[in-house]
C-alpha atoms as a PDB file:
ATOM      1  CA  MET A   1      48.883 182.239 236.876  1.00  0.00           C
ATOM      2  CA  THR A   2      45.123 182.278 236.928  1.00  0.00           C
ATOM      3  CA  SER A   3      43.417 185.507 235.957  1.00  0.00           C
ATOM      4  CA  PRO A   4      40.724 187.136 238.130  1.00  0.00           C
ATOM      5  CA  THR A   5      38.099 185.536 235.875  1.00  0.00           C
ATOM      6  CA  GLY A   6      39.506 182.092 236.637  1.00  0.00           C
ATOM      7  CA  THR A   7      40.795 181.371 233.150  1.00  0.00           C
ATOM      8  CA  THR A   8      44.386 180.906 232.076  1.00  0.00           C
ATOM      9  CA  PRO A   9      45.581 183.126 229.214  1.00  0.00           C
ATOM     10  CA  ALA A  10      47.030 181.457 226.124  1.00  0.00           C
ATOM     11  CA  GLY A  11      50.775 180.943 226.131  1.00  0.00           C
ATOM     12  CA  THR A  12      51.124 180.341 229.857  1.00  0.00           C
ATOM     13  CA  VAL A  13      52.639 177.413 231.701  1.00  0.00           C
ATOM     14  CA  CYS A  14      51.856 175.309 234.755  1.00  0.00           C
ATOM     15  CA  PRO A  15      52.980 177.381 237.754  1.00  0.00           C
ATOM     16  CA  HIS A  16      54.146 174.198 239.493  1.00  0.00           C
ATOM     17  CA  CYS A  17      56.355 172.579 236.841  1.00  0.00           C
ATOM     18  CA  GLY A  18      56.498 174.835 233.775  1.00  0.00           C
ATOM     19  CA  TRP A  19      54.666 172.499 231.350  1.00  0.00           C
ATOM     20  CA  PRO A  20      53.048 174.654 228.602  1.00  0.00           C
ATOM     21  CA  ASP A  21      49.271 174.943 229.034  1.00  0.00           C
ATOM     22  CA  GLY A  22      48.765 174.571 225.268  1.00  0.00           C
ATOM     23  CA  ALA A  23      50.691 171.280 225.117  1.00  0.00           C
ATOM     24  CA  GLU A  24      49.073 167.870 225.270  1.00  0.00           C
ATOM     25  CA  PRO A  25      48.164 166.988 228.867  1.00  0.00           C
ATOM     26  CA  PHE A  26      50.077 164.231 230.613  1.00  0.00           C
ATOM     27  CA  GLN A  27      46.829 162.327 231.253  1.00  0.00           C
ATOM     28  CA  VAL A  28      43.189 162.911 230.278  1.00  0.00           C
ATOM     29  CA  VAL A  29      41.103 161.891 233.282  1.00  0.00           C
ATOM     30  CA  SER A  30      37.692 162.477 231.666  1.00  0.00           C
ATOM     31  CA  ARG A  31      35.937 164.328 228.841  1.00  0.00           C
ATOM     32  CA  HIS A  32      32.380 165.635 228.909  1.00  0.00           C
ATOM     33  CA  ALA A  33      30.396 167.136 226.039  1.00  0.00           C
ATOM     34  CA  THR A  34      28.680 170.446 226.795  1.00  0.00           C
ATOM     35  CA  ALA A  35      26.296 172.618 224.780  1.00  0.00           C
ATOM     36  CA  ALA A  36      29.203 174.903 223.855  1.00  0.00           C
ATOM     37  CA  GLY A  37      31.949 172.287 223.340  1.00  0.00           C
ATOM     38  CA  ARG A  38      33.506 170.060 225.976  1.00  0.00           C
ATOM     39  CA  THR A  39      35.044 170.045 229.431  1.00  0.00           C
ATOM     40  CA  GLU A  40      38.198 167.998 230.036  1.00  0.00           C
ATOM     41  CA  TRP A  41      39.638 166.998 233.381  1.00  0.00           C
ATOM     42  CA  THR A  42      43.369 166.458 232.842  1.00  0.00           C
ATOM     43  CA  ARG A  43      46.459 165.822 234.919  1.00  0.00           C
ATOM     44  CA  CYS A  44      49.732 167.648 234.321  1.00  0.00           C
ATOM     45  CA  GLY A  45      53.065 165.809 234.547  1.00  0.00           C
ATOM     46  CA  CYS A  46      53.542 167.206 238.069  1.00  0.00           C
ATOM     47  CA  GLY A  47      50.186 165.795 239.168  1.00  0.00           C
ATOM     48  CA  SER A  48      48.222 169.054 239.107  1.00  0.00           C
ATOM     49  CA  LEU A  49      44.570 168.395 238.226  1.00  0.00           C
ATOM     50  CA  GLN A  50      43.258 170.828 235.589  1.00  0.00           C
ATOM     51  CA  VAL A  51      39.806 171.625 234.233  1.00  0.00           C
ATOM     52  CA  ARG A  52      40.022 172.599 230.552  1.00  0.00           C
ATOM     53  CA  VAL A  53      37.132 174.110 228.611  1.00  0.00           C
ATOM     54  CA  VAL A  54      37.323 173.572 224.846  1.00  0.00           C
ATOM     55  CA  ASP A  55      34.867 175.545 222.711  1.00  0.00           C
ATOM     56  CA  ASP A  56      34.721 177.815 219.675  1.00  0.00           C
ATOM     57  CA  ARG A  57      37.089 180.227 221.479  1.00  0.00           C
ATOM     58  CA  GLY A  58      39.751 177.540 221.898  1.00  0.00           C
ATOM     59  CA  MET A  59      41.105 175.823 225.020  1.00  0.00           C
ATOM     60  CA  ARG A  60      41.208 177.495 228.430  1.00  0.00           C
ATOM     61  CA  ILE A  61      42.264 176.139 231.803  1.00  0.00           C
ATOM     62  CA  VAL A  62      39.588 177.372 234.187  1.00  0.00           C
ATOM     63  CA  SER A  63      40.782 175.629 237.349  1.00  0.00           C
ATOM     64  CA  ARG A  64      43.998 174.010 238.542  1.00  0.00           C
ATOM     65  CA  SER A  65      45.029 172.244 241.748  1.00  0.00           C
ATOM     66  CA  GLY A  66      48.452 172.059 243.299  1.00  0.00           C
ATOM     67  CA  PRO A  67      50.786 169.200 242.387  1.00  0.00           C
ATOM     68  CA  ALA A  68      50.012 165.750 243.698  1.00  0.00           C
ATOM     69  CA  VAL A  69      51.586 164.852 247.027  1.00  0.00           C
ATOM     70  CA  PRO A  70      53.551 161.610 246.758  1.00  0.00           C
ATOM     71  CA  GLN A  71      51.911 158.836 248.743  1.00  0.00           C
ATOM     72  CA  SER A  72      54.065 156.499 250.786  1.00  0.00           C
ATOM     73  CA  SER A  73      53.478 152.825 250.238  1.00  0.00           C
ATOM     74  CA  PRO A  74      52.570 150.562 253.166  1.00  0.00           C
ATOM     75  CA  ALA A  75      55.920 148.781 252.671  1.00  0.00           C
ATOM     76  CA  SER A  76      57.849 152.003 253.357  1.00  0.00           C
ATOM     77  CA  ARG A  77      56.142 152.676 256.679  1.00  0.00           C
END
């Protein structure tokens, strides 16, 4: 549910698992200060990597990957 501008409108959910975009992320991977606020790389509960921009306009998800593909362990091969 990404708009043509690449941002996610408020009140939307992860298209892969339904987790609300405005909710706390499952995992914060990294945070970086910017001139306008900060950029956060987060991971959703389904494994989708998200780039969140937080500034004076609020929080927007500007990019999102697909869910993580489960990796098989060497023991299961």
